[in-house]
Amino acid sequence: MPAGHPSQNNKSRKSVMSFFQRSIPIVTCIVVGVATGVYVFDPLLKQYEKDTHGTWKKPGDEQRIEKVKQEHPIIQKIEGSQSKSEKST
């Protein structure tokens, strides 16, 4: 068939239309999912940030962290190696 034949144009139109028919529901689901996530979790995260004064740590977390560090000496080793590498940079 020569280029520009009407049947070729119909095939390309059908494939483009098929692409949009498949894509619109997917895009709609993504948009609805993101909007729902923002609607549900944004107020909770803002409240948690307000409650923790922007540190994202609950009251008493510092004591729990220190207790875990004492119980598991490997954590101190890991933190020590990280702080050494941070000092060298």
N, C-alpha and C. Protein backbone atom coordinates (compact mmCIF):
# COMPACT_ATOMS: atom_id res chain seq x y z
N MET A 1 0.84 -1.19 0.00
CA MET A 1 0.00 0.00 0.00
C MET A 1 0.87 1.24 0.00
N PRO A 2 0.49 2.22 -0.76
CA PRO A 2 1.27 3.46 -0.79
C PRO A 2 1.12 4.21 0.53
N ALA A 3 2.15 5.01 0.82
CA ALA A 3 2.12 5.82 2.05
C ALA A 3 0.93 6.77 1.99
N GLY A 4 0.31 6.97 3.11
CA GLY A 4 -0.85 7.86 3.17
C GLY A 4 -2.14 7.19 2.78
N HIS A 5 -2.13 5.88 2.58
CA HIS A 5 -3.33 5.14 2.24
C HIS A 5 -4.32 5.27 3.39
N PRO A 6 -5.61 5.43 3.10
CA PRO A 6 -6.61 5.63 4.16
C PRO A 6 -6.62 4.53 5.22
N SER A 7 -6.33 3.29 4.87
CA SER A 7 -6.36 2.22 5.87
C SER A 7 -5.20 2.37 6.85
N GLN A 8 -4.06 2.91 6.40
CA GLN A 8 -2.94 3.16 7.31
C GLN A 8 -3.28 4.27 8.28
N ASN A 9 -3.96 5.29 7.82
CA ASN A 9 -4.35 6.38 8.70
C ASN A 9 -5.32 5.89 9.78
N ASN A 10 -6.24 5.00 9.40
CA ASN A 10 -7.18 4.46 10.37
C ASN A 10 -6.45 3.65 11.44
N LYS A 11 -5.44 2.87 11.03
CA LYS A 11 -4.69 2.06 11.99
C LYS A 11 -3.96 2.95 12.98
N SER A 12 -3.34 4.01 12.48
CA SER A 12 -2.61 4.89 13.40
C SER A 12 -3.57 5.63 14.32
N ARG A 13 -4.73 6.00 13.82
CA ARG A 13 -5.73 6.65 14.66
C ARG A 13 -6.24 5.70 15.73
N LYS A 14 -6.45 4.43 15.34
CA LYS A 14 -6.93 3.44 16.30
C LYS A 14 -5.89 3.20 17.39
N SER A 15 -4.62 3.15 17.01
CA SER A 15 -3.59 2.90 18.02
C SER A 15 -3.46 4.09 18.96
N VAL A 16 -3.58 5.30 18.44
CA VAL A 16 -3.53 6.49 19.29
C VAL A 16 -4.75 6.51 20.19
N MET A 17 -5.89 6.21 19.64
CA MET A 17 -7.11 6.18 20.44
C MET A 17 -7.03 5.09 21.49
N SER A 18 -6.50 3.95 21.12
CA SER A 18 -6.36 2.86 22.06
C SER A 18 -5.42 3.26 23.20
N PHE A 19 -4.33 3.97 22.88
CA PHE A 19 -3.41 4.46 23.90
C PHE A 19 -4.14 5.35 24.89
N PHE A 20 -4.94 6.29 24.40
CA PHE A 20 -5.66 7.18 25.30
C PHE A 20 -6.73 6.43 26.09
N GLN A 21 -7.37 5.48 25.47
CA GLN A 21 -8.39 4.71 26.19
C GLN A 21 -7.77 3.91 27.33
N ARG A 22 -6.55 3.44 27.16
CA ARG A 22 -5.87 2.70 28.23
C ARG A 22 -5.27 3.65 29.26
N SER A 23 -4.81 4.80 28.83
CA SER A 23 -4.07 5.70 29.71
C SER A 23 -4.97 6.52 30.63
N ILE A 24 -6.12 6.92 30.15
CA ILE A 24 -6.99 7.79 30.95
C ILE A 24 -7.39 7.13 32.27
N PRO A 25 -7.83 5.86 32.30
CA PRO A 25 -8.15 5.26 33.61
C PRO A 25 -6.94 5.14 34.53
N ILE A 26 -5.78 4.84 33.97
CA ILE A 26 -4.57 4.72 34.79
C ILE A 26 -4.22 6.07 35.40
N VAL A 27 -4.22 7.10 34.59
CA VAL A 27 -3.90 8.45 35.09
C VAL A 27 -4.94 8.89 36.12
N THR A 28 -6.20 8.58 35.87
CA THR A 28 -7.25 8.93 36.82
C THR A 28 -7.03 8.24 38.16
N CYS A 29 -6.67 6.97 38.14
CA CYS A 29 -6.40 6.24 39.39
C CYS A 29 -5.22 6.84 40.13
N ILE A 30 -4.18 7.20 39.42
CA ILE A 30 -3.01 7.79 40.06
C ILE A 30 -3.38 9.12 40.71
N VAL A 31 -4.10 9.96 40.00
CA VAL A 31 -4.49 11.26 40.55
C VAL A 31 -5.39 11.09 41.77
N VAL A 32 -6.35 10.20 41.70
CA VAL A 32 -7.25 9.97 42.84
C VAL A 32 -6.46 9.41 44.02
N GLY A 33 -5.52 8.51 43.77
CA GLY A 33 -4.71 7.94 44.85
C GLY A 33 -3.85 8.98 45.54
N VAL A 34 -3.20 9.82 44.77
CA VAL A 34 -2.36 10.87 45.35
C VAL A 34 -3.21 11.87 46.11
N ALA A 35 -4.31 12.28 45.54
CA ALA A 35 -5.18 13.25 46.22
C ALA A 35 -5.72 12.67 47.52
N THR A 36 -6.11 11.41 47.51
CA THR A 36 -6.61 10.77 48.73
C THR A 36 -5.51 10.68 49.78
N GLY A 37 -4.32 10.32 49.36
CA GLY A 37 -3.19 10.24 50.28
C GLY A 37 -2.90 11.58 50.93
N VAL A 38 -2.90 12.63 50.14
CA VAL A 38 -2.66 13.97 50.68
C VAL A 38 -3.79 14.35 51.62
N TYR A 39 -5.02 14.08 51.23
CA TYR A 39 -6.17 14.45 52.06
C TYR A 39 -6.15 13.71 53.40
N VAL A 40 -5.76 12.45 53.38
CA VAL A 40 -5.79 11.64 54.60
C VAL A 40 -4.57 11.90 55.48
N PHE A 41 -3.37 11.88 54.88
CA PHE A 41 -2.16 11.89 55.68
C PHE A 41 -1.59 13.26 55.97
N ASP A 42 -1.86 14.26 55.16
CA ASP A 42 -1.29 15.58 55.39
C ASP A 42 -1.69 16.15 56.75
N PRO A 43 -2.96 16.14 57.13
CA PRO A 43 -3.32 16.66 58.46
C PRO A 43 -2.67 15.87 59.59
N LEU A 44 -2.55 14.56 59.44
CA LEU A 44 -1.91 13.74 60.47
C LEU A 44 -0.43 14.09 60.61
N LEU A 45 0.25 14.24 59.49
CA LEU A 45 1.66 14.58 59.54
C LEU A 45 1.90 15.97 60.10
N LYS A 46 1.04 16.91 59.75
CA LYS A 46 1.17 18.27 60.30
C LYS A 46 0.94 18.27 61.81
N GLN A 47 -0.03 17.50 62.27
CA GLN A 47 -0.29 17.41 63.70
C GLN A 47 0.88 16.76 64.42
N TYR A 48 1.44 15.71 63.85
CA TYR A 48 2.59 15.04 64.47
C TYR A 48 3.79 15.97 64.51
N GLU A 49 4.00 16.73 63.43
CA GLU A 49 5.10 17.70 63.41
C GLU A 49 4.91 18.76 64.50
N LYS A 50 3.68 19.21 64.66
CA LYS A 50 3.37 20.21 65.68
C LYS A 50 3.60 19.62 67.08
N ASP A 51 3.17 18.39 67.29
CA ASP A 51 3.32 17.75 68.59
C ASP A 51 4.77 17.50 68.96
N THR A 52 5.62 17.25 67.97
CA THR A 52 7.03 16.95 68.24
C THR A 52 7.91 18.18 68.05
N HIS A 53 7.30 19.33 67.84
CA HIS A 53 8.03 20.60 67.68
C HIS A 53 9.02 20.54 66.53
N GLY A 54 8.66 19.84 65.47
CA GLY A 54 9.48 19.78 64.26
C GLY A 54 10.63 18.80 64.32
N THR A 55 10.82 18.11 65.44
CA THR A 55 11.94 17.17 65.53
C THR A 55 11.57 15.79 65.03
N TRP A 56 10.30 15.48 64.95
CA TRP A 56 9.77 14.18 64.54
C TRP A 56 10.13 13.09 65.52
N LYS A 57 10.53 13.48 66.74
CA LYS A 57 10.80 12.49 67.79
C LYS A 57 9.78 12.70 68.90
N LYS A 58 9.21 11.61 69.36
CA LYS A 58 8.24 11.67 70.45
C LYS A 58 8.98 11.91 71.76
N PRO A 59 8.29 12.48 72.75
CA PRO A 59 8.91 12.63 74.06
C PRO A 59 9.33 11.25 74.59
N GLY A 60 10.54 11.17 75.11
CA GLY A 60 11.05 9.91 75.62
C GLY A 60 11.87 9.13 74.62
N ASP A 61 11.89 9.56 73.37
CA ASP A 61 12.67 8.85 72.35
C ASP A 61 14.16 8.90 72.64
N GLU A 62 14.64 10.02 73.14
CA GLU A 62 16.08 10.14 73.42
C GLU A 62 16.53 9.09 74.43
N GLN A 63 15.72 8.87 75.46
CA GLN A 63 16.07 7.87 76.46
C GLN A 63 16.05 6.46 75.86
N ARG A 64 15.06 6.18 75.03
CA ARG A 64 14.98 4.87 74.39
C ARG A 64 16.15 4.65 73.44
N ILE A 65 16.56 5.68 72.74
CA ILE A 65 17.69 5.56 71.82
C ILE A 65 18.97 5.26 72.60
N GLU A 66 19.19 5.97 73.70
CA GLU A 66 20.38 5.74 74.52
C GLU A 66 20.37 4.32 75.11
N LYS A 67 19.21 3.85 75.52
CA LYS A 67 19.10 2.50 76.08
C LYS A 67 19.46 1.45 75.03
N VAL A 68 18.96 1.63 73.82
CA VAL A 68 19.26 0.69 72.73
C VAL A 68 20.75 0.73 72.40
N LYS A 69 21.35 1.91 72.42
CA LYS A 69 22.79 2.02 72.15
C LYS A 69 23.60 1.26 73.19
N GLN A 70 23.18 1.32 74.44
CA GLN A 70 23.89 0.62 75.50
C GLN A 70 23.72 -0.89 75.38
N GLU A 71 22.53 -1.33 74.98
CA GLU A 71 22.26 -2.76 74.85
C GLU A 71 22.94 -3.37 73.64
N HIS A 72 23.16 -2.59 72.61
CA HIS A 72 23.72 -3.10 71.35
C HIS A 72 24.95 -2.27 70.98
N PRO A 73 26.13 -2.72 71.39
CA PRO A 73 27.35 -1.94 71.15
C PRO A 73 27.67 -1.74 69.66
N ILE A 74 27.12 -2.58 68.80
CA ILE A 74 27.39 -2.42 67.36
C ILE A 74 26.89 -1.07 66.86
N ILE A 75 25.85 -0.56 67.47
CA ILE A 75 25.32 0.75 67.06
C ILE A 75 26.34 1.84 67.32
N GLN A 76 27.01 1.77 68.47
CA GLN A 76 28.05 2.76 68.77
C GLN A 76 29.19 2.67 67.76
N LYS A 77 29.55 1.45 67.37
CA LYS A 77 30.61 1.30 66.38
C LYS A 77 30.20 1.91 65.04
N ILE A 78 28.96 1.65 64.66
CA ILE A 78 28.47 2.18 63.38
C ILE A 78 28.44 3.70 63.44
N GLU A 79 27.91 4.27 64.52
CA GLU A 79 27.86 5.72 64.64
C GLU A 79 29.25 6.32 64.70
N GLY A 80 30.18 5.62 65.34
CA GLY A 80 31.55 6.10 65.41
C GLY A 80 32.19 6.16 64.04
N SER A 81 31.96 5.16 63.21
CA SER A 81 32.53 5.16 61.86
C SER A 81 31.87 6.23 61.00
N GLN A 82 30.60 6.49 61.23
CA GLN A 82 29.92 7.53 60.46
C GLN A 82 30.43 8.90 60.88
N SER A 83 30.61 9.13 62.16
CA SER A 83 31.07 10.45 62.60
C SER A 83 32.50 10.70 62.13
N LYS A 84 33.36 9.65 62.07
CA LYS A 84 34.72 9.82 61.56
C LYS A 84 34.69 10.21 60.09
N SER A 85 33.83 9.55 59.32
CA SER A 85 33.76 9.88 57.89
C SER A 85 33.17 11.26 57.68
N GLU A 86 32.28 11.70 58.55
CA GLU A 86 31.70 13.04 58.44
C GLU A 86 32.76 14.09 58.76
N LYS A 87 33.64 13.79 59.73
CA LYS A 87 34.70 14.75 60.09
C LYS A 87 35.71 14.91 58.99
N SER A 88 35.96 13.83 58.25
CA SER A 88 36.97 13.88 57.19
C SER A 88 36.47 14.62 55.96
N THR A 89 35.17 14.77 55.81
CA THR A 89 34.63 15.48 54.62
C THR A 89 34.51 16.94 54.85
